[in-house]
Protein backbone atom coordinates (compact mmCIF):
# COMPACT_ATOMS: atom_id res chain seq x y z
CA UNK A 1 0.30 0.04 0.02
CA UNK A 2 1.62 3.47 -0.79
CA UNK A 3 2.44 5.30 1.88
CA UNK A 4 2.76 9.62 1.70
CA UNK A 5 4.63 12.10 3.79
CA UNK A 6 2.28 14.16 4.64
CA UNK A 7 3.85 15.92 8.33
CA UNK A 8 5.30 19.20 6.41
CA UNK A 9 1.64 20.04 5.30
CA UNK A 10 -0.12 19.02 7.88
CA UNK A 11 1.73 19.93 10.94
CA UNK A 12 1.68 23.14 9.30
CA UNK A 13 -1.06 25.97 10.17
CA UNK A 14 -4.45 26.40 8.70
CA UNK A 15 -6.27 29.77 6.94
CA UNK A 16 -10.09 29.54 7.38
CA UNK A 17 -11.07 30.45 4.27
CA UNK A 18 -14.68 29.69 5.30
CA UNK A 19 -15.58 31.49 7.93
CA UNK A 20 -14.54 35.58 7.34
CA UNK A 21 -11.57 35.30 10.12
CA UNK A 22 -8.14 35.31 9.01
CA UNK A 23 -6.45 33.93 11.86
CA UNK A 24 -4.19 31.34 11.44
CA UNK A 25 -5.01 27.68 13.37
CA UNK A 26 -2.58 24.78 14.60
CA UNK A 27 -3.81 21.80 12.72
CA UNK A 28 -3.25 18.25 14.41
CA UNK A 29 0.50 16.33 13.13
CA UNK A 30 0.02 13.44 11.29
CA UNK A 31 2.54 11.16 10.87
CA UNK A 32 2.77 8.89 7.42
CA UNK A 33 0.05 7.37 6.65
CA UNK A 34 -1.72 6.02 3.01
CA UNK A 35 -3.61 8.39 1.01
CA UNK A 36 -6.48 5.48 1.02
CA UNK A 37 -6.96 5.90 4.70
CA UNK A 38 -6.74 9.65 5.15
CA UNK A 39 -8.93 10.93 1.58
CA UNK A 40 -12.30 9.34 2.87
CA UNK A 41 -14.98 11.73 1.72
CA UNK A 42 -15.14 15.71 0.30
CA UNK A 43 -14.37 16.88 3.59
CA UNK A 44 -10.73 15.74 3.75
CA UNK A 45 -9.13 17.83 1.08
CA UNK A 46 -9.78 21.50 2.18
CA UNK A 47 -7.75 20.88 4.89
CA UNK A 48 -5.06 18.95 3.28
CA UNK A 49 -5.14 22.27 0.67
CA UNK A 50 -4.92 24.48 3.52
CA UNK A 51 -2.01 22.77 4.97
CA UNK A 52 -0.12 23.45 2.21
CA UNK A 53 -0.29 27.31 2.47
CA UNK A 54 2.58 27.30 5.18
CA UNK A 55 5.15 25.98 2.45
CA UNK A 56 3.82 28.91 0.21
CA UNK A 57 4.48 31.14 2.98
CA UNK A 58 7.66 30.04 3.31
CA UNK A 59 9.00 30.64 0.05
CA UNK A 60 7.52 34.21 -0.14
CA UNK A 61 8.84 35.12 3.18
CA UNK A 62 12.41 33.43 1.86
CA UNK A 63 14.17 37.33 1.49
CA UNK A 64 17.99 35.61 0.84
CA UNK A 65 16.24 34.95 -2.28
CA UNK A 66 14.36 37.41 -3.31
CA UNK A 67 16.07 40.51 -1.49
CA UNK A 68 19.68 40.19 0.05
CA UNK A 69 21.38 40.31 -3.42
CA UNK A 70 20.00 42.72 -4.64
CA UNK A 71 21.28 46.34 -4.26
CA UNK A 72 18.56 47.47 -1.51
CA UNK A 73 20.09 46.45 2.04
CA UNK A 74 23.31 47.64 3.88
CA UNK A 75 24.74 46.40 7.27
CA UNK A 76 23.01 47.71 10.16
CA UNK A 77 24.80 47.92 13.73
CA UNK A 78 23.83 43.97 14.63
CA UNK A 79 24.95 42.69 10.50
CA UNK A 80 22.70 39.87 9.51
CA UNK A 81 23.87 40.32 5.94
CA UNK A 82 26.07 37.60 4.65
CA UNK A 83 26.84 34.97 1.40
CA UNK A 84 23.78 36.51 -0.14
CA UNK A 85 24.49 40.26 0.17
CA UNK A 86 28.25 39.68 -0.18
CA UNK A 87 27.83 37.32 -3.58
CA UNK A 88 29.73 34.91 -1.85
CA UNK A 89 28.66 31.82 -3.58
CA UNK A 90 29.77 28.53 -4.18
CA UNK A 91 29.30 24.58 -4.23
CA UNK A 92 29.53 24.83 -0.72
CA UNK A 93 28.22 28.27 0.26
CA UNK A 94 25.41 29.85 -0.40
CA UNK A 95 23.82 26.91 -1.92
CA UNK A 96 20.09 25.63 -1.46
CA UNK A 97 18.52 22.74 -0.52
CA UNK A 98 15.26 22.57 -2.51
CA UNK A 99 13.75 19.17 -0.56
CA UNK A 100 11.08 21.77 1.21
CA UNK A 101 9.63 22.88 -2.13
CA UNK A 102 9.83 19.11 -3.25
CA UNK A 103 8.07 18.11 -0.74
CA UNK A 104 5.45 20.93 -1.34
CA UNK A 105 5.44 20.05 -4.86
CA UNK A 106 5.00 16.09 -4.08
CA UNK A 107 1.72 16.85 -1.84
CA UNK A 108 0.41 19.04 -4.42
CA UNK A 109 0.78 16.38 -7.13
CA UNK A 110 -0.60 14.16 -4.18
CA UNK A 111 -3.68 15.91 -4.09
CA UNK A 112 -4.05 16.04 -8.01
CA UNK A 113 -3.99 12.41 -8.13
CA UNK A 114 -6.66 11.64 -5.70
CA UNK A 115 -9.19 14.47 -5.44
CA UNK A 116 -10.27 13.24 -9.70
CA UNK A 117 -12.62 10.24 -8.42
CA UNK A 118 -14.39 11.83 -5.39
CA UNK A 119 -17.74 13.06 -5.94
CA UNK A 120 -18.32 16.51 -4.17
CA UNK A 121 -21.59 17.60 -3.19
CA UNK A 122 -20.49 21.20 -4.18
CA UNK A 123 -18.65 20.83 -7.55
CA UNK A 124 -17.40 24.50 -6.88
CA UNK A 125 -15.56 23.07 -4.29
CA UNK A 126 -13.79 20.72 -5.73
CA UNK A 127 -13.17 22.74 -9.16
CA UNK A 128 -12.22 25.65 -6.31
CA UNK A 129 -9.62 23.29 -4.55
CA UNK A 130 -8.18 22.13 -7.87
CA UNK A 131 -7.19 25.45 -9.12
CA UNK A 132 -5.58 26.43 -5.65
CA UNK A 133 -3.61 23.41 -5.78
CA UNK A 134 -2.79 24.34 -9.24
CA UNK A 135 -1.49 27.31 -8.13
CA UNK A 136 0.65 26.00 -5.23
CA UNK A 137 2.37 24.21 -7.93
CA UNK A 138 2.77 26.41 -10.20
CA UNK A 139 3.93 28.86 -7.41
CA UNK A 140 6.70 26.70 -6.04
CA UNK A 141 8.22 25.38 -9.60
CA UNK A 142 8.31 29.31 -9.95
CA UNK A 143 10.26 30.28 -7.56
CA UNK A 144 12.52 27.47 -8.43
CA UNK A 145 12.96 28.42 -11.84
CA UNK A 146 13.68 32.07 -10.48
CA UNK A 147 16.34 30.92 -8.36
CA UNK A 148 17.99 27.85 -9.73
CA UNK A 149 17.56 28.40 -13.83
CA UNK A 150 16.69 25.06 -15.09
CA UNK A 151 14.75 22.66 -12.52
CA UNK A 152 13.43 18.87 -12.38
CA UNK A 153 9.90 18.31 -13.41
CA UNK A 154 8.09 15.97 -11.09
CA UNK A 155 4.74 16.03 -11.75
CA UNK A 156 3.96 12.50 -9.44
CA UNK A 157 3.18 12.52 -5.51
CA UNK A 158 5.51 11.87 -3.28
CA UNK A 159 4.90 7.94 -1.86
CA UNK A 160 7.37 7.94 0.73
CA UNK A 161 10.02 10.40 2.25
CA UNK A 162 12.85 10.39 -0.51
CA UNK A 163 12.37 12.57 -3.95
CA UNK A 164 12.64 11.16 -6.98
CA UNK A 165 15.60 11.38 -8.78
CA UNK A 166 15.09 13.37 -12.19
CA UNK A 167 17.52 15.16 -14.04
CA UNK A 168 16.68 19.20 -14.82
CA UNK A 169 14.48 20.29 -16.83
CA UNK A 170 15.48 23.31 -19.33
CA UNK A 171 13.81 26.37 -17.75
CA UNK A 172 11.56 26.50 -21.07
CA UNK A 173 9.87 23.02 -20.55
CA UNK A 174 8.91 24.45 -16.74
CA UNK A 175 7.84 27.56 -17.35
CA UNK A 176 5.43 25.28 -19.80
CA UNK A 177 4.23 23.16 -17.30
CA UNK A 178 3.45 26.76 -15.14
CA UNK A 179 1.51 27.80 -17.93
CA UNK A 180 -0.53 24.99 -18.28
CA UNK A 181 -1.24 24.71 -14.58
CA UNK A 182 -2.09 27.97 -14.44
CA UNK A 183 -4.57 28.06 -17.33
CA UNK A 184 -6.24 25.39 -16.11
CA UNK A 185 -6.81 27.12 -12.80
CA UNK A 186 -8.21 30.30 -14.09
CA UNK A 187 -10.86 27.90 -15.96
CA UNK A 188 -12.12 26.12 -12.89
CA UNK A 189 -11.67 28.53 -10.13
CA UNK A 190 -15.90 29.65 -9.60
CA UNK A 191 -15.54 33.25 -8.91
CA UNK A 192 -13.69 36.37 -10.55
CA UNK A 193 -13.94 37.67 -6.53
CA UNK A 194 -11.91 37.47 -3.64
CA UNK A 195 -12.93 34.84 -1.26
CA UNK A 196 -9.57 34.59 0.80
CA UNK A 197 -6.77 36.81 -0.22
CA UNK A 198 -5.01 34.31 1.85
CA UNK A 199 -5.72 31.45 -1.01
CA UNK A 200 -4.70 31.41 -4.40
CA UNK A 201 -7.99 32.78 -6.44
CA UNK A 202 -8.83 33.87 -9.75
CA UNK A 203 -6.60 37.09 -9.44
CA UNK A 204 -4.02 35.54 -7.87
CA UNK A 205 -3.41 32.91 -10.47
CA UNK A 206 -3.77 36.05 -13.53
CA UNK A 207 -0.60 37.57 -11.44
CA UNK A 208 1.21 35.09 -11.03
CA UNK A 209 0.65 34.29 -15.13
CA UNK A 210 1.69 37.88 -15.61
CA UNK A 211 5.00 37.80 -13.37
CA UNK A 212 5.70 34.36 -14.89
CA UNK A 213 5.46 35.26 -18.77
CA UNK A 214 7.03 38.50 -18.08
CA UNK A 215 10.33 36.27 -16.93
CA UNK A 216 9.30 34.38 -19.84
CA UNK A 217 9.77 36.86 -22.25
CA UNK A 218 13.10 38.43 -20.89
CA UNK A 219 14.99 35.87 -19.09
CA UNK A 220 13.42 32.46 -21.11
CA UNK A 221 13.73 34.37 -24.30
CA UNK A 222 10.17 34.12 -25.25
CA UNK A 223 9.23 38.01 -26.19
CA UNK A 224 6.59 39.19 -27.94
CA UNK A 225 4.07 36.51 -27.47
CA UNK A 226 5.03 36.23 -24.22
CA UNK A 227 4.54 40.16 -23.43
CA UNK A 228 1.47 39.40 -25.24
CA UNK A 229 0.41 37.03 -22.61
CA UNK A 230 1.07 39.37 -19.30
CA UNK A 231 -0.48 42.09 -20.33
CA UNK A 232 -4.01 39.82 -20.98
CA UNK A 233 -3.80 38.20 -17.82
CA UNK A 234 -2.71 41.48 -16.17
CA UNK A 235 -5.50 43.11 -17.48
CA UNK A 236 -7.90 40.01 -16.05
CA UNK A 237 -6.64 40.60 -12.58
CA UNK A 238 -7.71 44.49 -13.69
CA UNK A 239 -11.07 43.24 -13.64
CA UNK A 240 -11.22 41.56 -9.88
CA UNK A 241 -12.15 44.81 -7.85
CA UNK A 242 -8.70 45.52 -6.75
CA UNK A 243 -7.70 49.20 -6.15
CA UNK A 244 -4.86 51.17 -5.37
CA UNK A 245 -5.42 52.87 -1.89
CA UNK A 246 -4.99 56.21 -1.46
CA UNK A 247 -2.66 56.02 1.60
CA UNK A 248 0.48 54.16 0.70
CA UNK A 249 0.88 53.88 4.42
CA UNK A 250 -1.83 51.38 4.85
CA UNK A 251 -0.34 49.06 1.77
CA UNK A 252 1.50 46.87 4.22
CA UNK A 253 -0.36 47.64 7.41
CA UNK A 254 -3.79 47.10 7.05
CA UNK A 255 -4.35 43.61 6.38
CA UNK A 256 -6.25 41.88 3.18
CA UNK A 257 -7.05 45.99 2.06
CA UNK A 258 -8.16 46.57 -1.61
CA UNK A 259 -4.85 46.74 -3.56
CA UNK A 260 -3.43 43.33 -2.06
CA UNK A 261 -4.10 40.10 -4.54
CA UNK A 262 -2.99 37.91 -2.29
CA UNK A 263 -0.72 38.06 0.93
CA UNK A 264 1.19 35.69 2.73
CA UNK A 265 -0.34 36.05 6.75
CA UNK A 266 1.90 36.12 9.92
CA UNK A 267 -0.32 36.85 13.46
CA UNK A 268 1.71 37.21 16.68
CA UNK A 269 2.24 33.80 18.85
CA UNK A 270 1.09 31.37 16.07
CA UNK A 271 2.94 28.33 15.94
CA UNK A 272 5.19 28.11 13.13
CA UNK A 273 6.52 31.13 11.52
CA UNK A 274 5.90 34.39 14.38
CA UNK A 275 7.53 36.89 12.66
CA UNK A 276 7.77 37.91 8.98
CA UNK A 277 11.73 38.87 7.23
CA UNK A 278 11.09 42.49 8.28
CA UNK A 279 12.42 40.97 11.79
CA UNK A 280 15.99 41.40 10.90
CA UNK A 281 15.45 45.05 9.48
CA UNK A 282 13.61 46.85 12.56
CA UNK A 283 16.37 48.58 15.22
CA UNK A 284 16.42 47.16 19.08
CA UNK A 285 16.07 50.16 21.67
CA UNK A 286 19.90 49.92 22.57
CA UNK A 287 20.62 50.72 18.82
CA UNK A 288 18.84 53.77 18.70
CA UNK A 289 18.95 54.95 21.83
CA UNK A 290 19.53 58.53 22.04
CA UNK A 291 18.15 59.71 18.62
CA UNK A 292 16.71 62.82 18.42
CA UNK A 293 13.47 61.28 16.54
CA UNK A 294 13.45 58.16 18.60
CA UNK A 295 9.30 58.83 18.89
CA UNK A 296 9.11 58.17 14.78
CA UNK A 297 11.49 55.00 14.51
CA UNK A 298 9.71 51.70 15.04
CA UNK A 299 11.79 50.53 17.23
CA UNK A 300 11.11 47.10 19.39
CA UNK A 301 12.85 47.09 23.10
CA UNK A 302 14.23 43.90 22.63
CA UNK A 303 17.31 42.19 20.05
CA UNK A 304 14.18 38.88 20.23
CA UNK A 305 11.45 40.69 18.57
CA UNK A 306 14.09 43.43 16.16
CA UNK A 307 17.62 42.77 15.07
CA UNK A 308 18.53 45.87 13.81
CA UNK A 309 20.52 43.56 11.32
CA UNK A 310 19.96 46.03 8.14
CA UNK A 311 19.05 48.75 6.79
CA UNK A 312 18.10 50.67 3.34
CA UNK A 313 21.37 51.36 1.34
CA UNK A 314 22.40 54.87 -0.21
CA UNK A 315 21.56 53.03 -3.49
CA UNK A 316 17.84 52.68 -2.72
CA UNK A 317 18.29 56.08 -0.92
CA UNK A 318 19.14 57.91 -4.31
CA UNK A 319 16.44 56.24 -6.29
CA UNK A 320 14.15 59.22 -4.40
CA UNK A 321 16.70 61.75 -4.38
CA UNK A 322 14.77 65.41 -5.77
CA UNK A 323 11.41 63.68 -5.40
CA UNK A 324 10.46 66.14 -2.84
CA UNK A 325 6.63 65.15 -2.61
CA UNK A 326 7.17 61.05 -2.89
CA UNK A 327 4.46 60.49 -0.38
CA UNK A 328 5.95 56.73 -0.36
CA UNK A 329 9.33 58.40 1.58
CA UNK A 330 8.12 58.21 5.13
CA UNK A 331 7.03 54.91 4.87
CA UNK A 332 9.72 53.22 3.43
CA UNK A 333 12.86 54.27 5.21
CA UNK A 334 13.51 56.79 8.30
CA UNK A 335 16.92 58.68 9.00
CA UNK A 336 18.27 58.60 12.57
CA UNK A 337 19.05 61.63 13.56
CA UNK A 338 21.47 62.61 17.08
CA UNK A 339 21.64 66.55 17.07
CA UNK A 340 22.82 68.29 14.33
CA UNK A 341 24.94 65.55 13.32
CA UNK A 342 24.88 63.58 9.98
CA UNK A 343 22.25 61.10 9.84
CA UNK A 344 24.48 57.86 10.82
CA UNK A 345 21.53 54.70 9.89
CA UNK A 346 18.74 54.66 7.73
CA UNK A 347 16.07 52.27 8.69
CA UNK A 348 14.10 50.39 6.44
CA UNK A 349 10.42 50.74 7.74
CA UNK A 350 8.04 49.24 4.75
CA UNK A 351 6.76 46.77 7.35
CA UNK A 352 6.75 48.32 10.66
CA UNK A 353 4.97 45.26 12.55
CA UNK A 354 2.52 46.83 15.32
CA UNK A 355 2.43 47.85 18.85
CA UNK A 356 1.73 45.80 21.68
CA UNK A 357 1.38 46.57 25.18
CA UNK A 358 4.78 44.70 25.98
CA UNK A 359 6.59 45.41 22.50
CA UNK A 360 6.29 46.05 18.49
CA UNK A 361 6.25 42.20 16.48
CA UNK A 362 6.83 41.99 12.78
CA UNK A 363 3.78 40.61 12.15
CA UNK A 364 2.73 42.04 8.65
CA UNK A 365 1.49 40.23 6.49
CA UNK A 366 4.03 39.81 3.18
CA UNK A 367 2.34 41.21 0.39
CA UNK A 368 2.78 38.45 -2.80
CA UNK A 369 0.46 40.87 -5.50
CA UNK A 370 -0.71 43.83 -5.16
CA UNK A 371 -2.29 46.22 -7.84
CA UNK A 372 0.21 48.49 -8.01
CA UNK A 373 3.03 45.77 -8.97
CA UNK A 374 0.79 44.71 -11.73
CA UNK A 375 0.62 47.93 -13.19
CA UNK A 376 3.96 47.89 -13.25
CA UNK A 377 4.08 44.42 -14.27
CA UNK A 378 2.04 46.27 -17.57
CA UNK A 379 4.38 49.17 -18.00
CA UNK A 380 7.11 46.41 -18.07
CA UNK A 381 5.59 44.73 -20.76
CA UNK A 382 4.32 46.91 -22.93
CA UNK A 383 7.89 48.60 -23.02
CA UNK A 384 9.43 44.98 -24.08
CA UNK A 385 6.38 45.62 -27.15
CA UNK A 386 8.21 49.47 -27.47
CA UNK A 387 4.41 50.60 -27.57
CA UNK A 388 6.08 53.68 -24.55
CA UNK A 389 2.88 55.43 -24.63
CA UNK A 390 1.15 52.51 -22.95
CA UNK A 391 3.85 51.83 -21.02
CA UNK A 392 4.22 55.64 -19.50
CA UNK A 393 0.19 55.29 -18.97
CA UNK A 394 0.59 52.44 -16.86
CA UNK A 395 3.69 53.75 -15.27
CA UNK A 396 1.91 57.14 -14.29
CA UNK A 397 -1.03 55.06 -12.23
CA UNK A 398 1.90 54.27 -9.57
CA UNK A 399 3.84 58.21 -10.44
CA UNK A 400 0.50 59.67 -9.54
CA UNK A 401 -0.31 57.88 -6.06
CA UNK A 402 2.95 58.56 -4.80
CA UNK A 403 2.55 62.17 -5.77
CA UNK A 404 5.61 62.43 -7.83
CA UNK A 405 3.46 63.59 -11.30
CA UNK A 406 3.45 62.39 -14.74
CA UNK A 407 6.79 60.74 -16.11
CA UNK A 408 8.75 63.47 -18.46
CA UNK A 409 11.26 62.28 -19.96
CA UNK A 410 12.45 60.38 -22.92
CA UNK A 411 9.89 58.05 -24.54
CA UNK A 412 12.39 56.07 -26.28
CA UNK A 413 12.34 52.19 -25.00
CA UNK A 414 15.39 51.82 -23.36
CA UNK A 415 15.27 55.10 -21.09
CA UNK A 416 11.17 53.41 -20.52
CA UNK A 417 12.38 50.88 -19.33
CA UNK A 418 15.06 52.19 -16.78
CA UNK A 419 12.15 54.52 -15.63
CA UNK A 420 9.93 51.66 -15.09
CA UNK A 421 12.82 49.60 -12.98
CA UNK A 422 13.56 52.54 -11.21
CA UNK A 423 10.00 52.93 -10.36
CA UNK A 424 9.76 49.52 -8.84
CA UNK A 425 12.93 50.33 -6.87
CA UNK A 426 10.62 53.08 -5.08
CA UNK A 427 7.30 50.98 -5.40
CA UNK A 428 8.45 47.85 -4.70
CA UNK A 429 11.24 48.39 -2.37
CA UNK A 430 11.66 46.01 0.81
CA UNK A 431 8.35 43.54 -0.89
CA UNK A 432 11.08 40.92 -1.77
CA UNK A 433 10.90 41.21 -5.31
CA UNK A 434 14.10 43.12 -6.12
CA UNK A 435 16.41 40.33 -6.95
CA UNK A 436 13.97 39.26 -9.23
CA UNK A 437 13.76 42.89 -10.78
CA UNK A 438 17.03 42.22 -11.13
CA UNK A 439 17.58 39.17 -12.93
CA UNK A 440 14.93 39.91 -15.50
CA UNK A 441 16.03 43.24 -16.54
CA UNK A 442 19.29 42.41 -16.68
CA UNK A 443 17.92 39.60 -19.50
CA UNK A 444 15.80 42.58 -20.90
CA UNK A 445 19.11 45.04 -21.27
CA UNK A 446 17.90 47.62 -19.32
CA UNK A 447 20.48 46.62 -16.67
CA UNK A 448 23.73 45.25 -16.31
CA UNK A 449 23.21 43.43 -13.04
CA UNK A 450 27.52 43.38 -12.78
CA UNK A 451 27.45 47.05 -12.63
CA UNK A 452 24.13 47.71 -11.49
CA UNK A 453 24.59 45.90 -7.68
CA UNK A 454 27.56 47.11 -5.98
CA UNK A 455 28.39 43.61 -4.45
CA UNK A 456 28.40 41.88 -7.71
CA UNK A 457 30.94 44.66 -8.83
CA UNK A 458 34.02 43.14 -10.37
CA UNK A 459 32.65 39.34 -9.82
CA UNK A 460 31.21 36.82 -11.86
CA UNK A 461 29.40 34.97 -9.68
CA UNK A 462 26.52 33.84 -11.67
CA UNK A 463 22.67 35.72 -11.50
CA UNK A 464 21.39 31.86 -10.20
CA UNK A 465 22.20 29.61 -7.24
CA UNK A 466 24.79 26.80 -6.85
CA UNK A 467 22.67 23.18 -6.05
CA UNK A 468 23.76 22.06 -2.43
CA UNK A 469 26.48 18.98 -2.00
CA UNK A 470 24.16 17.26 -0.34
CA UNK A 471 21.41 17.49 -3.34
CA UNK A 472 24.12 16.37 -5.74
CA UNK A 473 25.05 13.83 -3.95
CA UNK A 474 21.96 12.48 -3.51
CA UNK A 475 21.02 12.35 -7.23
CA UNK A 476 23.67 12.01 -9.49
CA UNK A 477 21.32 12.93 -12.52
CA UNK A 478 22.08 16.56 -11.38
CA UNK A 479 24.10 18.97 -12.97
CA UNK A 480 25.85 22.21 -10.87
CA UNK A 481 24.33 25.29 -12.05
CA UNK A 482 26.34 26.59 -14.81
CA UNK A 483 29.02 28.71 -14.04
CA UNK A 484 29.77 26.95 -11.29
CA UNK A 485 32.80 24.45 -10.29
CA UNK A 486 31.18 20.90 -10.64
């Protein structure tokens, strides 16, 4: 009898999407049990699907891969940045072990293989669960494609503790599977609005598709067709009822707001992950003591809840130079000031956490997609098609909310693409997307990552990660990521 290893997903935290409550709840851990025993009726499937979301949250919260290699951060007084930030990646340093991703994929495969024969009294629920699972698998594969490039493609369930030994599939083939999963999911979602913004939906599937199509267009060489597909997906997102917030501050501090398409949920004192990646950015009291503007700094009392680990870099601050009316600045970073002396620290406060009676806690949601992000995707796709007037229209939607006025620069493709890249640096700062932007715009020819990212200057470190020695030793069918010694 086949066994399935589901401890990873069923010992996670459930999102109670059936009710209006957004709280994450503990789920009783399960050991190795048979699929036939676990899936007895239709009511067994939704807990299983919900139980996979902690994996999705972990991937969305992976600042090492989404941000640290970019130009956004610099060391704080209690330095936390290391190998990825320093671009010191070798087959033995800073590698990725992707077992967690493949356990999540295997769980998705299990549900997709198991659910089909079951008859549901609520057919819409069955369709939604299949659609969510397809999105979970697509998201996980997209994470891997952006981190390691060519990726083993596993489409069968994990039936024991061992991940099947598979060679890398070409990035283009993995992207093809991602788009097949998303297209099927899009066709299955029974509603076009948002039932729960902490779970995949029609809008989130379209946002993921738009982002993946831009990656395919630039990094995988898909070009015009992919740019057009990205525009179609992004336009579909616009029909789902999302809208820009008037107050930029509310974007990351108000949960599941009107601009959010999908978020990963965080709550104080929950089991599993009690803090998001901004824990390392929040300063703790002893490192800001004496600042004349200390009451404006979102500090924590102890280094347990804020670690003063990193700050916004000079290069990211320079993106705001001259934009004195930019409404985003007070909710993006703050300069720590001591009398008349020049500011000595610049704290990233995009995710300020929430202040409780005993301390501040870094428990803001991690936003996976929001409408301003999608508008900038549309600007990027139009620019890729050399339709710069349309690109500027979408660029101005974001600039307008920021209060910096319409774009007035040159309208040639190269200049507009650079304006979009810089605007993403301002709008999406510290939302765990910058490194992926850098890789995409590098392959698109807008920037040269090796001259743009300070810690890459003079280095030849590949833009993709090396596989760990553990992964390579366990699977002789794998080759090391191109550019690293074997």
